[in-house]
Amino acid sequence: QVQLVESGGGLVQPGGSLRLSCAASASIFSIYAMGWYRQAPGQRRELVAFITTGGTTNYAHSVKGRFTISRDNAKNTVSLQMNSLKPEDTGVYYCNGDQYGSGSVLYWGQGTQVTVSS
């Protein structure tokens, strides 16, 4: 079982930047996809971005060009650089690991709050 712990959330003004980090309790080298999801109040949890062991990335259309996901297998960390933040980016951001890429074995962090507001 892999434990995931997020950090880096907070309050930021529109147009600002934040960097989220996710630290894993064990090696993520063999976890096929590491990603970030978010959930706004009253909304369903949605995929923000993921990155595979081979370095392939995928982004939600709403964040493409503004967010960048990266993983460091040596340090067992996954990061999400968020630029040009908008109020609609507000929500709880969750780190996720999909062991086989099939959804059969998933790991979740507890979440970190991101609030974009003036």
PDB file of N, CA and C in Angstrom:
ATOM      1  N   GLN A   1       0.843  -1.183   0.000  1.00  0.00           N
ATOM      2  CA  GLN A   1       0.000   0.000   0.000  1.00  0.00           C
ATOM      3  C   GLN A   1       0.888   1.246   0.000  1.00  0.00           C
ATOM      4  N   VAL A   2       0.614   2.163  -0.898  1.00  0.00           N
ATOM      5  CA  VAL A   2       1.380   3.392  -1.015  1.00  0.00           C
ATOM      6  C   VAL A   2       0.571   4.530  -0.423  1.00  0.00           C
ATOM      7  N   GLN A   3       1.172   5.269   0.474  1.00  0.00           N
ATOM      8  CA  GLN A   3       0.534   6.455   1.047  1.00  0.00           C
ATOM      9  C   GLN A   3       0.992   7.675   0.265  1.00  0.00           C
ATOM     10  N   LEU A   4       0.039   8.556  -0.048  1.00  0.00           N
ATOM     11  CA  LEU A   4       0.343   9.774  -0.786  1.00  0.00           C
ATOM     12  C   LEU A   4      -0.011  10.981   0.065  1.00  0.00           C
ATOM     13  N   VAL A   5       0.894  11.949   0.122  1.00  0.00           N
ATOM     14  CA  VAL A   5       0.667  13.160   0.915  1.00  0.00           C
ATOM     15  C   VAL A   5       0.913  14.387   0.047  1.00  0.00           C
ATOM     16  N   GLU A   6      -0.130  15.195  -0.089  1.00  0.00           N
ATOM     17  CA  GLU A   6      -0.031  16.404  -0.896  1.00  0.00           C
ATOM     18  C   GLU A   6       0.394  17.600  -0.054  1.00  0.00           C
ATOM     19  N   SER A   7       1.010  18.573  -0.703  1.00  0.00           N
ATOM     20  CA  SER A   7       1.360  19.836  -0.061  1.00  0.00           C
ATOM     21  C   SER A   7       1.409  20.922  -1.127  1.00  0.00           C
ATOM     22  N   GLY A   8       1.410  22.174  -0.676  1.00  0.00           N
ATOM     23  CA  GLY A   8       1.581  23.290  -1.593  1.00  0.00           C
ATOM     24  C   GLY A   8       0.327  24.070  -1.921  1.00  0.00           C
ATOM     25  N   GLY A   9      -0.816  23.635  -1.408  1.00  0.00           N
ATOM     26  CA  GLY A   9      -2.041  24.378  -1.677  1.00  0.00           C
ATOM     27  C   GLY A   9      -2.073  25.694  -0.919  1.00  0.00           C
ATOM     28  N   GLY A  10      -3.083  26.503  -1.220  1.00  0.00           N
ATOM     29  CA  GLY A  10      -3.216  27.772  -0.534  1.00  0.00           C
ATOM     30  C   GLY A  10      -4.119  28.722  -1.280  1.00  0.00           C
ATOM     31  N   LEU A  11      -4.064  29.978  -0.867  1.00  0.00           N
ATOM     32  CA  LEU A  11      -4.860  31.042  -1.478  1.00  0.00           C
ATOM     33  C   LEU A  11      -3.970  31.852  -2.414  1.00  0.00           C
ATOM     34  N   VAL A  12      -4.439  32.060  -3.624  1.00  0.00           N
ATOM     35  CA  VAL A  12      -3.667  32.816  -4.611  1.00  0.00           C
ATOM     36  C   VAL A  12      -4.620  33.684  -5.419  1.00  0.00           C
ATOM     37  N   GLN A  13      -4.124  34.810  -5.885  1.00  0.00           N
ATOM     38  CA  GLN A  13      -4.938  35.703  -6.700  1.00  0.00           C
ATOM     39  C   GLN A  13      -5.025  35.197  -8.137  1.00  0.00           C
ATOM     40  N   PRO A  14      -6.075  35.547  -8.833  1.00  0.00           N
ATOM     41  CA  PRO A  14      -6.164  35.176 -10.253  1.00  0.00           C
ATOM     42  C   PRO A  14      -4.926  35.645 -11.010  1.00  0.00           C
ATOM     43  N   GLY A  15      -4.428  34.757 -11.871  1.00  0.00           N
ATOM     44  CA  GLY A  15      -3.209  35.049 -12.614  1.00  0.00           C
ATOM     45  C   GLY A  15      -1.948  34.586 -11.917  1.00  0.00           C
ATOM     46  N   GLY A  16      -2.070  34.177 -10.676  1.00  0.00           N
ATOM     47  CA  GLY A  16      -0.911  33.739  -9.912  1.00  0.00           C
ATOM     48  C   GLY A  16      -0.540  32.291 -10.171  1.00  0.00           C
ATOM     49  N   SER A  17       0.446  31.817  -9.417  1.00  0.00           N
ATOM     50  CA  SER A  17       0.957  30.459  -9.598  1.00  0.00           C
ATOM     51  C   SER A  17       1.048  29.734  -8.261  1.00  0.00           C
ATOM     52  N   LEU A  18       0.933  28.428  -8.347  1.00  0.00           N
ATOM     53  CA  LEU A  18       1.164  27.544  -7.207  1.00  0.00           C
ATOM     54  C   LEU A  18       1.828  26.280  -7.714  1.00  0.00           C
ATOM     55  N   ARG A  19       2.592  25.648  -6.841  1.00  0.00           N
ATOM     56  CA  ARG A  19       3.186  24.359  -7.171  1.00  0.00           C
ATOM     57  C   ARG A  19       2.765  23.349  -6.117  1.00  0.00           C
ATOM     58  N   LEU A  20       2.057  22.334  -6.550  1.00  0.00           N
ATOM     59  CA  LEU A  20       1.640  21.251  -5.671  1.00  0.00           C
ATOM     60  C   LEU A  20       2.650  20.112  -5.735  1.00  0.00           C
ATOM     61  N   SER A  21       2.873  19.503  -4.583  1.00  0.00           N
ATOM     62  CA  SER A  21       3.765  18.344  -4.527  1.00  0.00           C
ATOM     63  C   SER A  21       3.046  17.174  -3.875  1.00  0.00           C
ATOM     64  N   CYS A  22       3.419  15.994  -4.293  1.00  0.00           N
ATOM     65  CA  CYS A  22       2.852  14.767  -3.744  1.00  0.00           C
ATOM     66  C   CYS A  22       4.013  13.848  -3.392  1.00  0.00           C
ATOM     67  N   ALA A  23       4.110  13.499  -2.132  1.00  0.00           N
ATOM     68  CA  ALA A  23       5.177  12.611  -1.674  1.00  0.00           C
ATOM     69  C   ALA A  23       4.601  11.232  -1.395  1.00  0.00           C
ATOM     70  N   ALA A  24       5.247  10.224  -1.938  1.00  0.00           N
ATOM     71  CA  ALA A  24       4.799   8.845  -1.749  1.00  0.00           C
ATOM     72  C   ALA A  24       5.628   8.148  -0.676  1.00  0.00           C
ATOM     73  N   SER A  25       4.977   7.237   0.050  1.00  0.00           N
ATOM     74  CA  SER A  25       5.654   6.524   1.134  1.00  0.00           C
ATOM     75  C   SER A  25       6.507   5.369   0.633  1.00  0.00           C
ATOM     76  N   ALA A  26       6.338   5.023  -0.626  1.00  0.00           N
ATOM     77  CA  ALA A  26       7.104   3.932  -1.211  1.00  0.00           C
ATOM     78  C   ALA A  26       7.432   4.285  -2.659  1.00  0.00           C
ATOM     79  N   SER A  27       8.162   3.412  -3.290  1.00  0.00           N
ATOM     80  CA  SER A  27       8.586   3.686  -4.659  1.00  0.00           C
ATOM     81  C   SER A  27       7.394   3.822  -5.607  1.00  0.00           C
ATOM     82  N   ILE A  28       7.461   4.836  -6.466  1.00  0.00           N
ATOM     83  CA  ILE A  28       6.429   5.010  -7.491  1.00  0.00           C
ATOM     84  C   ILE A  28       6.934   4.553  -8.850  1.00  0.00           C
ATOM     85  N   PHE A  29       8.131   3.978  -8.864  1.00  0.00           N
ATOM     86  CA  PHE A  29       8.765   3.605 -10.128  1.00  0.00           C
ATOM     87  C   PHE A  29       7.866   2.715 -10.968  1.00  0.00           C
ATOM     88  N   SER A  30       7.167   1.777 -10.289  1.00  0.00           N
ATOM     89  CA  SER A  30       6.360   0.805 -11.024  1.00  0.00           C
ATOM     90  C   SER A  30       4.892   1.195 -11.131  1.00  0.00           C
ATOM     91  N   ILE A  31       4.521   2.337 -10.615  1.00  0.00           N
ATOM     92  CA  ILE A  31       3.122   2.775 -10.719  1.00  0.00           C
ATOM     93  C   ILE A  31       2.929   3.378 -12.100  1.00  0.00           C
ATOM     94  N   TYR A  32       2.048   2.774 -12.890  1.00  0.00           N
ATOM     95  CA  TYR A  32       1.929   3.148 -14.293  1.00  0.00           C
ATOM     96  C   TYR A  32       1.621   4.636 -14.490  1.00  0.00           C
ATOM     97  N   ALA A  33       0.645   5.145 -13.768  1.00  0.00           N
ATOM     98  CA  ALA A  33       0.256   6.534 -13.963  1.00  0.00           C
ATOM     99  C   ALA A  33       0.116   7.235 -12.620  1.00  0.00           C
ATOM    100  N   MET A  34       0.708   8.396 -12.535  1.00  0.00           N
ATOM    101  CA  MET A  34       0.536   9.276 -11.374  1.00  0.00           C
ATOM    102  C   MET A  34      -0.181  10.516 -11.865  1.00  0.00           C
ATOM    103  N   GLY A  35      -1.134  10.980 -11.073  1.00  0.00           N
ATOM    104  CA  GLY A  35      -1.914  12.103 -11.564  1.00  0.00           C
ATOM    105  C   GLY A  35      -2.464  12.988 -10.470  1.00  0.00           C
ATOM    106  N   TRP A  36      -3.151  14.008 -10.928  1.00  0.00           N
ATOM    107  CA  TRP A  36      -3.841  14.941 -10.033  1.00  0.00           C
ATOM    108  C   TRP A  36      -5.298  15.058 -10.473  1.00  0.00           C
ATOM    109  N   TYR A  37      -6.169  15.020  -9.475  1.00  0.00           N
ATOM    110  CA  TYR A  37      -7.585  15.251  -9.677  1.00  0.00           C
ATOM    111  C   TYR A  37      -7.979  16.449  -8.829  1.00  0.00           C
ATOM    112  N   ARG A  38      -9.121  17.029  -9.132  1.00  0.00           N
ATOM    113  CA  ARG A  38      -9.630  18.098  -8.278  1.00  0.00           C
ATOM    114  C   ARG A  38     -11.139  17.988  -8.154  1.00  0.00           C
ATOM    115  N   GLN A  39     -11.626  18.543  -7.058  1.00  0.00           N
ATOM    116  CA  GLN A  39     -13.065  18.538  -6.810  1.00  0.00           C
ATOM    117  C   GLN A  39     -13.470  19.883  -6.266  1.00  0.00           C
ATOM    118  N   ALA A  40     -14.310  20.569  -7.030  1.00  0.00           N
ATOM    119  CA  ALA A  40     -14.864  21.848  -6.600  1.00  0.00           C
ATOM    120  C   ALA A  40     -16.124  21.591  -5.775  1.00  0.00           C
ATOM    121  N   PRO A  41     -16.509  22.536  -4.935  1.00  0.00           N
ATOM    122  CA  PRO A  41     -17.711  22.348  -4.119  1.00  0.00           C
ATOM    123  C   PRO A  41     -18.934  22.019  -4.967  1.00  0.00           C
ATOM    124  N   GLY A  42     -19.626  20.941  -4.605  1.00  0.00           N
ATOM    125  CA  GLY A  42     -20.817  20.554  -5.332  1.00  0.00           C
ATOM    126  C   GLY A  42     -20.577  19.907  -6.673  1.00  0.00           C
ATOM    127  N   GLN A  43     -19.303  19.666  -6.997  1.00  0.00           N
ATOM    128  CA  GLN A  43     -18.976  19.084  -8.300  1.00  0.00           C
ATOM    129  C   GLN A  43     -18.359  17.696  -8.124  1.00  0.00           C
ATOM    130  N   ARG A  44     -18.316  16.963  -9.211  1.00  0.00           N
ATOM    131  CA  ARG A  44     -17.668  15.658  -9.197  1.00  0.00           C
ATOM    132  C   ARG A  44     -16.156  15.825  -9.282  1.00  0.00           C
ATOM    133  N   ARG A  45     -15.454  14.849  -8.761  1.00  0.00           N
ATOM    134  CA  ARG A  45     -14.003  14.863  -8.881  1.00  0.00           C
ATOM    135  C   ARG A  45     -13.634  14.667 -10.359  1.00  0.00           C
ATOM    136  N   GLU A  46     -12.683  15.471 -10.829  1.00  0.00           N
ATOM    137  CA  GLU A  46     -12.305  15.398 -12.242  1.00  0.00           C
ATOM    138  C   GLU A  46     -10.805  15.302 -12.395  1.00  0.00           C
ATOM    139  N   LEU A  47     -10.403  14.649 -13.462  1.00  0.00           N
ATOM    140  CA  LEU A  47      -8.985  14.521 -13.763  1.00  0.00           C
ATOM    141  C   LEU A  47      -8.424  15.860 -14.207  1.00  0.00           C
ATOM    142  N   VAL A  48      -7.274  16.222 -13.646  1.00  0.00           N
ATOM    143  CA  VAL A  48      -6.562  17.429 -14.060  1.00  0.00           C
ATOM    144  C   VAL A  48      -5.430  17.064 -15.021  1.00  0.00           C
ATOM    145  N   ALA A  49      -4.607  16.091 -14.600  1.00  0.00           N
ATOM    146  CA  ALA A  49      -3.474  15.686 -15.430  1.00  0.00           C
ATOM    147  C   ALA A  49      -2.921  14.369 -14.906  1.00  0.00           C
ATOM    148  N   PHE A  50      -2.287  13.616 -15.805  1.00  0.00           N
ATOM    149  CA  PHE A  50      -1.561  12.441 -15.357  1.00  0.00           C
ATOM    150  C   PHE A  50      -0.299  12.273 -16.188  1.00  0.00           C
ATOM    151  N   ILE A  51       0.630  11.487 -15.629  1.00  0.00           N
ATOM    152  CA  ILE A  51       1.883  11.203 -16.313  1.00  0.00           C
ATOM    153  C   ILE A  51       2.202   9.726 -16.109  1.00  0.00           C
ATOM    154  N   THR A  52       2.610   9.060 -17.176  1.00  0.00           N
ATOM    155  CA  THR A  52       2.880   7.632 -17.100  1.00  0.00           C
ATOM    156  C   THR A  52       4.354   7.363 -16.793  1.00  0.00           C
ATOM    157  N   THR A  53       4.671   6.107 -16.577  1.00  0.00           N
ATOM    158  CA  THR A  53       6.056   5.732 -16.317  1.00  0.00           C
ATOM    159  C   THR A  53       6.942   6.078 -17.502  1.00  0.00           C
ATOM    160  N   GLY A  54       6.362   6.114 -18.687  1.00  0.00           N
ATOM    161  CA  GLY A  54       7.148   6.451 -19.867  1.00  0.00           C
ATOM    162  C   GLY A  54       7.243   7.936 -20.126  1.00  0.00           C
ATOM    163  N   GLY A  55       6.592   8.733 -19.274  1.00  0.00           N
ATOM    164  CA  GLY A  55       6.676  10.184 -19.430  1.00  0.00           C
ATOM    165  C   GLY A  55       5.565  10.793 -20.262  1.00  0.00           C
ATOM    166  N   THR A  56       4.638   9.961 -20.722  1.00  0.00           N
ATOM    167  CA  THR A  56       3.503  10.503 -21.471  1.00  0.00           C
ATOM    168  C   THR A  56       2.584  11.274 -20.530  1.00  0.00           C
ATOM    169  N   THR A  57       2.171  12.455 -20.960  1.00  0.00           N
ATOM    170  CA  THR A  57       1.299  13.292 -20.135  1.00  0.00           C
ATOM    171  C   THR A  57      -0.048  13.510 -20.826  1.00  0.00           C
ATOM    172  N   ASN A  58      -1.032  13.775 -20.004  1.00  0.00           N
ATOM    173  CA  ASN A  58      -2.361  14.088 -20.522  1.00  0.00           C
ATOM    174  C   ASN A  58      -2.969  15.125 -19.593  1.00  0.00           C
ATOM    175  N   TYR A  59      -3.619  16.129 -20.180  1.00  0.00           N
ATOM    176  CA  TYR A  59      -4.179  17.223 -19.397  1.00  0.00           C
ATOM    177  C   TYR A  59      -5.650  17.431 -19.734  1.00  0.00           C
ATOM    178  N   ALA A  60      -6.386  17.869 -18.741  1.00  0.00           N
ATOM    179  CA  ALA A  60      -7.752  18.318 -19.003  1.00  0.00           C
ATOM    180  C   ALA A  60      -7.682  19.529 -19.919  1.00  0.00           C
ATOM    181  N   HIS A  61      -8.658  19.657 -20.781  1.00  0.00           N
ATOM    182  CA  HIS A  61      -8.653  20.764 -21.751  1.00  0.00           C
ATOM    183  C   HIS A  61      -8.587  22.115 -21.042  1.00  0.00           C
ATOM    184  N   SER A  62      -9.229  22.199 -19.883  1.00  0.00           N
ATOM    185  CA  SER A  62      -9.324  23.481 -19.184  1.00  0.00           C
ATOM    186  C   SER A  62      -7.992  23.956 -18.600  1.00  0.00           C
ATOM    187  N   VAL A  63      -7.018  23.052 -18.463  1.00  0.00           N
ATOM    188  CA  VAL A  63      -5.732  23.441 -17.859  1.00  0.00           C
ATOM    189  C   VAL A  63      -4.573  23.356 -18.844  1.00  0.00           C
ATOM    190  N   LYS A  64      -4.824  22.845 -20.015  1.00  0.00           N
ATOM    191  CA  LYS A  64      -3.757  22.649 -21.005  1.00  0.00           C
ATOM    192  C   LYS A  64      -3.082  23.991 -21.306  1.00  0.00           C
ATOM    193  N   GLY A  65      -1.760  23.979 -21.272  1.00  0.00           N
ATOM    194  CA  GLY A  65      -1.003  25.192 -21.540  1.00  0.00           C
ATOM    195  C   GLY A  65      -0.732  26.034 -20.301  1.00  0.00           C
ATOM    196  N   ARG A  66      -1.419  25.720 -19.198  1.00  0.00           N
ATOM    197  CA  ARG A  66      -1.217  26.479 -17.954  1.00  0.00           C
ATOM    198  C   ARG A  66      -0.589  25.615 -16.856  1.00  0.00           C
ATOM    199  N   PHE A  67      -0.921  24.329 -16.862  1.00  0.00           N
ATOM    200  CA  PHE A  67      -0.427  23.411 -15.826  1.00  0.00           C
ATOM    201  C   PHE A  67       0.601  22.460 -16.431  1.00  0.00           C
ATOM    202  N   THR A  68       1.569  22.071 -15.590  1.00  0.00           N
ATOM    203  CA  THR A  68       2.571  21.094 -16.010  1.00  0.00           C
ATOM    204  C   THR A  68       2.765  20.061 -14.922  1.00  0.00           C
ATOM    205  N   ILE A  69       2.620  18.797 -15.282  1.00  0.00           N
ATOM    206  CA  ILE A  69       2.826  17.704 -14.333  1.00  0.00           C
ATOM    207  C   ILE A  69       4.194  17.081 -14.565  1.00  0.00           C
ATOM    208  N   SER A  70       4.828  16.664 -13.477  1.00  0.00           N
ATOM    209  CA  SER A  70       6.114  15.995 -13.582  1.00  0.00           C
ATOM    210  C   SER A  70       6.218  14.948 -12.472  1.00  0.00           C
ATOM    211  N   ARG A  71       7.077  13.973 -12.684  1.00  0.00           N
ATOM    212  CA  ARG A  71       7.296  12.939 -11.661  1.00  0.00           C
ATOM    213  C   ARG A  71       8.789  12.702 -11.530  1.00  0.00           C
ATOM    214  N   ASP A  72       9.216  12.450 -10.303  1.00  0.00           N
ATOM    215  CA  ASP A  72      10.607  12.139 -10.026  1.00  0.00           C
ATOM    216  C   ASP A  72      10.617  10.784  -9.330  1.00  0.00           C
ATOM    217  N   ASN A  73      10.885   9.743 -10.095  1.00  0.00           N
ATOM    218  CA  ASN A  73      10.830   8.399  -9.536  1.00  0.00           C
ATOM    219  C   ASN A  73      11.907   8.167  -8.481  1.00  0.00           C
ATOM    220  N   ALA A  74      13.025   8.858  -8.603  1.00  0.00           N
ATOM    221  CA  ALA A  74      14.106   8.689  -7.627  1.00  0.00           C
ATOM    222  C   ALA A  74      13.713   9.252  -6.264  1.00  0.00           C
ATOM    223  N   LYS A  75      12.921  10.321  -6.278  1.00  0.00           N
ATOM    224  CA  LYS A  75      12.499  10.950  -5.029  1.00  0.00           C
ATOM    225  C   LYS A  75      11.081  10.559  -4.626  1.00  0.00           C
ATOM    226  N   ASN A  76      10.432   9.748  -5.461  1.00  0.00           N
ATOM    227  CA  ASN A  76       9.052   9.319  -5.190  1.00  0.00           C
ATOM    228  C   ASN A  76       8.103  10.497  -5.017  1.00  0.00           C
ATOM    229  N   THR A  77       8.215  11.452  -5.922  1.00  0.00           N
ATOM    230  CA  THR A  77       7.367  12.637  -5.855  1.00  0.00           C
ATOM    231  C   THR A  77       6.734  12.931  -7.211  1.00  0.00           C
ATOM    232  N   VAL A  78       5.593  13.568  -7.142  1.00  0.00           N
ATOM    233  CA  VAL A  78       4.897  14.049  -8.326  1.00  0.00           C
ATOM    234  C   VAL A  78       4.530  15.511  -8.061  1.00  0.00           C
ATOM    235  N   SER A  79       4.715  16.349  -9.048  1.00  0.00           N
ATOM    236  CA  SER A  79       4.440  17.770  -8.870  1.00  0.00           C
ATOM    237  C   SER A  79       3.477  18.272  -9.928  1.00  0.00           C
ATOM    238  N   LEU A  80       2.786  19.339  -9.582  1.00  0.00           N
ATOM    239  CA  LEU A  80       1.893  20.001 -10.524  1.00  0.00           C
ATOM    240  C   LEU A  80       2.169  21.502 -10.442  1.00  0.00           C
ATOM    241  N   GLN A  81       2.777  22.038 -11.472  1.00  0.00           N
ATOM    242  CA  GLN A  81       3.015  23.473 -11.553  1.00  0.00           C
ATOM    243  C   GLN A  81       1.797  24.112 -12.193  1.00  0.00           C
ATOM    244  N   MET A  82       1.187  25.044 -11.485  1.00  0.00           N
ATOM    245  CA  MET A  82      -0.045  25.681 -11.961  1.00  0.00           C
ATOM    246  C   MET A  82       0.211  27.164 -12.160  1.00  0.00           C
ATOM    247  N   ASN A  83       0.098  27.628 -13.386  1.00  0.00           N
ATOM    248  CA  ASN A  83       0.302  29.031 -13.729  1.00  0.00           C
ATOM    249  C   ASN A  83      -0.993  29.637 -14.253  1.00  0.00           C
ATOM    250  N   SER A  84      -1.032  30.948 -14.280  1.00  0.00           N
ATOM    251  CA  SER A  84      -2.198  31.675 -14.807  1.00  0.00           C
ATOM    252  C   SER A  84      -3.492  31.141 -14.192  1.00  0.00           C
ATOM    253  N   LEU A  85      -3.499  31.024 -12.888  1.00  0.00           N
ATOM    254  CA  LEU A  85      -4.639  30.420 -12.201  1.00  0.00           C
ATOM    255  C   LEU A  85      -5.892  31.276 -12.344  1.00  0.00           C
ATOM    256  N   LYS A  86      -7.017  30.573 -12.415  1.00  0.00           N
ATOM    257  CA  LYS A  86      -8.316  31.213 -12.568  1.00  0.00           C
ATOM    258  C   LYS A  86      -9.221  30.829 -11.391  1.00  0.00           C
ATOM    259  N   PRO A  87     -10.224  31.620 -11.099  1.00  0.00           N
ATOM    260  CA  PRO A  87     -11.141  31.254 -10.002  1.00  0.00           C
ATOM    261  C   PRO A  87     -11.747  29.861 -10.178  1.00  0.00           C
ATOM    262  N   GLU A  88     -11.970  29.454 -11.406  1.00  0.00           N
ATOM    263  CA  GLU A  88     -12.559  28.134 -11.641  1.00  0.00           C
ATOM    264  C   GLU A  88     -11.582  26.989 -11.380  1.00  0.00           C
ATOM    265  N   ASP A  89     -10.326  27.305 -11.074  1.00  0.00           N
ATOM    266  CA  ASP A  89      -9.377  26.271 -10.674  1.00  0.00           C
ATOM    267  C   ASP A  89      -9.501  25.942  -9.181  1.00  0.00           C
ATOM    268  N   THR A  90     -10.331  26.677  -8.488  1.00  0.00           N
ATOM    269  CA  THR A  90     -10.529  26.458  -7.065  1.00  0.00           C
ATOM    270  C   THR A  90     -11.088  25.066  -6.790  1.00  0.00           C
ATOM    271  N   GLY A  91     -10.545  24.420  -5.762  1.00  0.00           N
ATOM    272  CA  GLY A  91     -11.032  23.108  -5.375  1.00  0.00           C
ATOM    273  C   GLY A  91     -10.019  22.385  -4.509  1.00  0.00           C
ATOM    274  N   VAL A  92     -10.371  21.183  -4.124  1.00  0.00           N
ATOM    275  CA  VAL A  92      -9.444  20.315  -3.411  1.00  0.00           C
ATOM    276  C   VAL A  92      -8.725  19.456  -4.443  1.00  0.00           C
ATOM    277  N   TYR A  93      -7.418  19.499  -4.410  1.00  0.00           N
ATOM    278  CA  TYR A  93      -6.599  18.752  -5.366  1.00  0.00           C
ATOM    279  C   TYR A  93      -6.074  17.482  -4.708  1.00  0.00           C
ATOM    280  N   TYR A  94      -6.283  16.362  -5.396  1.00  0.00           N
ATOM    281  CA  TYR A  94      -5.898  15.054  -4.882  1.00  0.00           C
ATOM    282  C   TYR A  94      -4.820  14.422  -5.764  1.00  0.00           C
ATOM    283  N   CYS A  95      -3.819  13.893  -5.118  1.00  0.00           N
ATOM    284  CA  CYS A  95      -2.805  13.110  -5.814  1.00  0.00           C
ATOM    285  C   CYS A  95      -3.317  11.684  -5.979  1.00  0.00           C
ATOM    286  N   ASN A  96      -3.025  11.103  -7.109  1.00  0.00           N
ATOM    287  CA  ASN A  96      -3.549   9.770  -7.424  1.00  0.00           C
ATOM    288  C   ASN A  96      -2.479   8.907  -8.056  1.00  0.00           C
ATOM    289  N   GLY A  97      -2.513   7.624  -7.725  1.00  0.00           N
ATOM    290  CA  GLY A  97      -1.648   6.655  -8.394  1.00  0.00           C
ATOM    291  C   GLY A  97      -2.492   5.518  -8.937  1.00  0.00           C
ATOM    292  N   ASP A  98      -2.293   5.184 -10.177  1.00  0.00           N
ATOM    293  CA  ASP A  98      -3.007   4.079 -10.810  1.00  0.00           C
ATOM    294  C   ASP A  98      -1.974   3.014 -11.118  1.00  0.00           C
ATOM    295  N   GLN A  99      -1.953   1.978 -10.304  1.00  0.00           N
ATOM    296  CA  GLN A  99      -0.863   1.004 -10.353  1.00  0.00           C
ATOM    297  C   GLN A  99      -0.671   0.392 -11.734  1.00  0.00           C
ATOM    298  N   TYR A 100      -1.759  -0.027 -12.374  1.00  0.00           N
ATOM    299  CA  TYR A 100      -1.645  -0.745 -13.646  1.00  0.00           C
ATOM    300  C   TYR A 100      -2.232   0.005 -14.827  1.00  0.00           C
ATOM    301  N   GLY A 101      -2.769   1.208 -14.566  1.00  0.00           N
ATOM    302  CA  GLY A 101      -3.381   1.967 -15.644  1.00  0.00           C
ATOM    303  C   GLY A 101      -4.787   1.515 -15.977  1.00  0.00           C
ATOM    304  N   SER A 102      -5.334   0.618 -15.168  1.00  0.00           N
ATOM    305  CA  SER A 102      -6.659   0.074 -15.433  1.00  0.00           C
ATOM    306  C   SER A 102      -7.695   0.511 -14.421  1.00  0.00           C
ATOM    307  N   GLY A 103      -7.258   1.183 -13.371  1.00  0.00           N
ATOM    308  CA  GLY A 103      -8.179   1.580 -12.320  1.00  0.00           C
ATOM    309  C   GLY A 103      -8.444   0.500 -11.299  1.00  0.00           C
ATOM    310  N   SER A 104      -7.815  -0.641 -11.445  1.00  0.00           N
ATOM    311  CA  SER A 104      -8.071  -1.762 -10.537  1.00  0.00           C
ATOM    312  C   SER A 104      -7.373  -1.580  -9.182  1.00  0.00           C
ATOM    313  N   VAL A 105      -6.247  -0.884  -9.174  1.00  0.00           N
ATOM    314  CA  VAL A 105      -5.526  -0.603  -7.925  1.00  0.00           C
ATOM    315  C   VAL A 105      -5.185   0.886  -7.929  1.00  0.00           C
ATOM    316  N   LEU A 106      -5.826   1.617  -7.031  1.00  0.00           N
ATOM    317  CA  LEU A 106      -5.660   3.063  -6.977  1.00  0.00           C
ATOM    318  C   LEU A 106      -5.180   3.503  -5.607  1.00  0.00           C
ATOM    319  N   TYR A 107      -4.384   4.550  -5.600  1.00  0.00           N
ATOM    320  CA  TYR A 107      -3.926   5.179  -4.372  1.00  0.00           C
ATOM    321  C   TYR A 107      -4.367   6.628  -4.404  1.00  0.00           C
ATOM    322  N   TRP A 108      -4.790   7.141  -3.234  1.00  0.00           N
ATOM    323  CA  TRP A 108      -5.256   8.528  -3.144  1.00  0.00           C
ATOM    324  C   TRP A 108      -4.628   9.220  -1.958  1.00  0.00           C
ATOM    325  N   GLY A 109      -4.336  10.499  -2.131  1.00  0.00           N
ATOM    326  CA  GLY A 109      -3.939  11.318  -1.015  1.00  0.00           C
ATOM    327  C   GLY A 109      -5.169  11.919  -0.352  1.00  0.00           C
ATOM    328  N   GLN A 110      -4.936  12.694   0.700  1.00  0.00           N
ATOM    329  CA  GLN A 110      -6.032  13.296   1.462  1.00  0.00           C
ATOM    330  C   GLN A 110      -6.516  14.596   0.832  1.00  0.00           C
ATOM    331  N   GLY A 111      -5.716  15.171  -0.045  1.00  0.00           N
ATOM    332  CA  GLY A 111      -6.133  16.382  -0.725  1.00  0.00           C
ATOM    333  C   GLY A 111      -5.537  17.645  -0.128  1.00  0.00           C
ATOM    334  N   THR A 112      -5.395  18.650  -0.964  1.00  0.00           N
ATOM    335  CA  THR A 112      -4.925  19.964  -0.523  1.00  0.00           C
ATOM    336  C   THR A 112      -5.796  21.031  -1.182  1.00  0.00           C
ATOM    337  N   GLN A 113      -6.178  22.023  -0.409  1.00  0.00           N
ATOM    338  CA  GLN A 113      -7.110  23.048  -0.890  1.00  0.00           C
ATOM    339  C   GLN A 113      -6.369  24.105  -1.705  1.00  0.00           C
ATOM    340  N   VAL A 114      -6.918  24.407  -2.863  1.00  0.00           N
ATOM    341  CA  VAL A 114      -6.440  25.517  -3.698  1.00  0.00           C
ATOM    342  C   VAL A 114      -7.602  26.485  -3.878  1.00  0.00           C
ATOM    343  N   THR A 115      -7.366  27.731  -3.513  1.00  0.00           N
ATOM    344  CA  THR A 115      -8.397  28.764  -3.655  1.00  0.00           C
ATOM    345  C   THR A 115      -7.820  29.906  -4.471  1.00  0.00           C
ATOM    346  N   VAL A 116      -8.488  30.209  -5.573  1.00  0.00           N
ATOM    347  CA  VAL A 116      -8.069  31.307  -6.446  1.00  0.00           C
ATOM    348  C   VAL A 116      -9.116  32.409  -6.329  1.00  0.00           C
ATOM    349  N   SER A 117      -8.707  33.483  -5.696  1.00  0.00           N
ATOM    350  CA  SER A 117      -9.666  34.557  -5.427  1.00  0.00           C
ATOM    351  C   SER A 117      -8.926  35.855  -5.179  1.00  0.00           C
ATOM    352  N   SER A 118      -9.565  36.950  -5.560  1.00  0.00           N
ATOM    353  CA  SER A 118      -8.989  38.261  -5.289  1.00  0.00           C
ATOM    354  C   SER A 118      -9.518  38.815  -3.974  1.00  0.00           C
TER     355      SER A 118
END
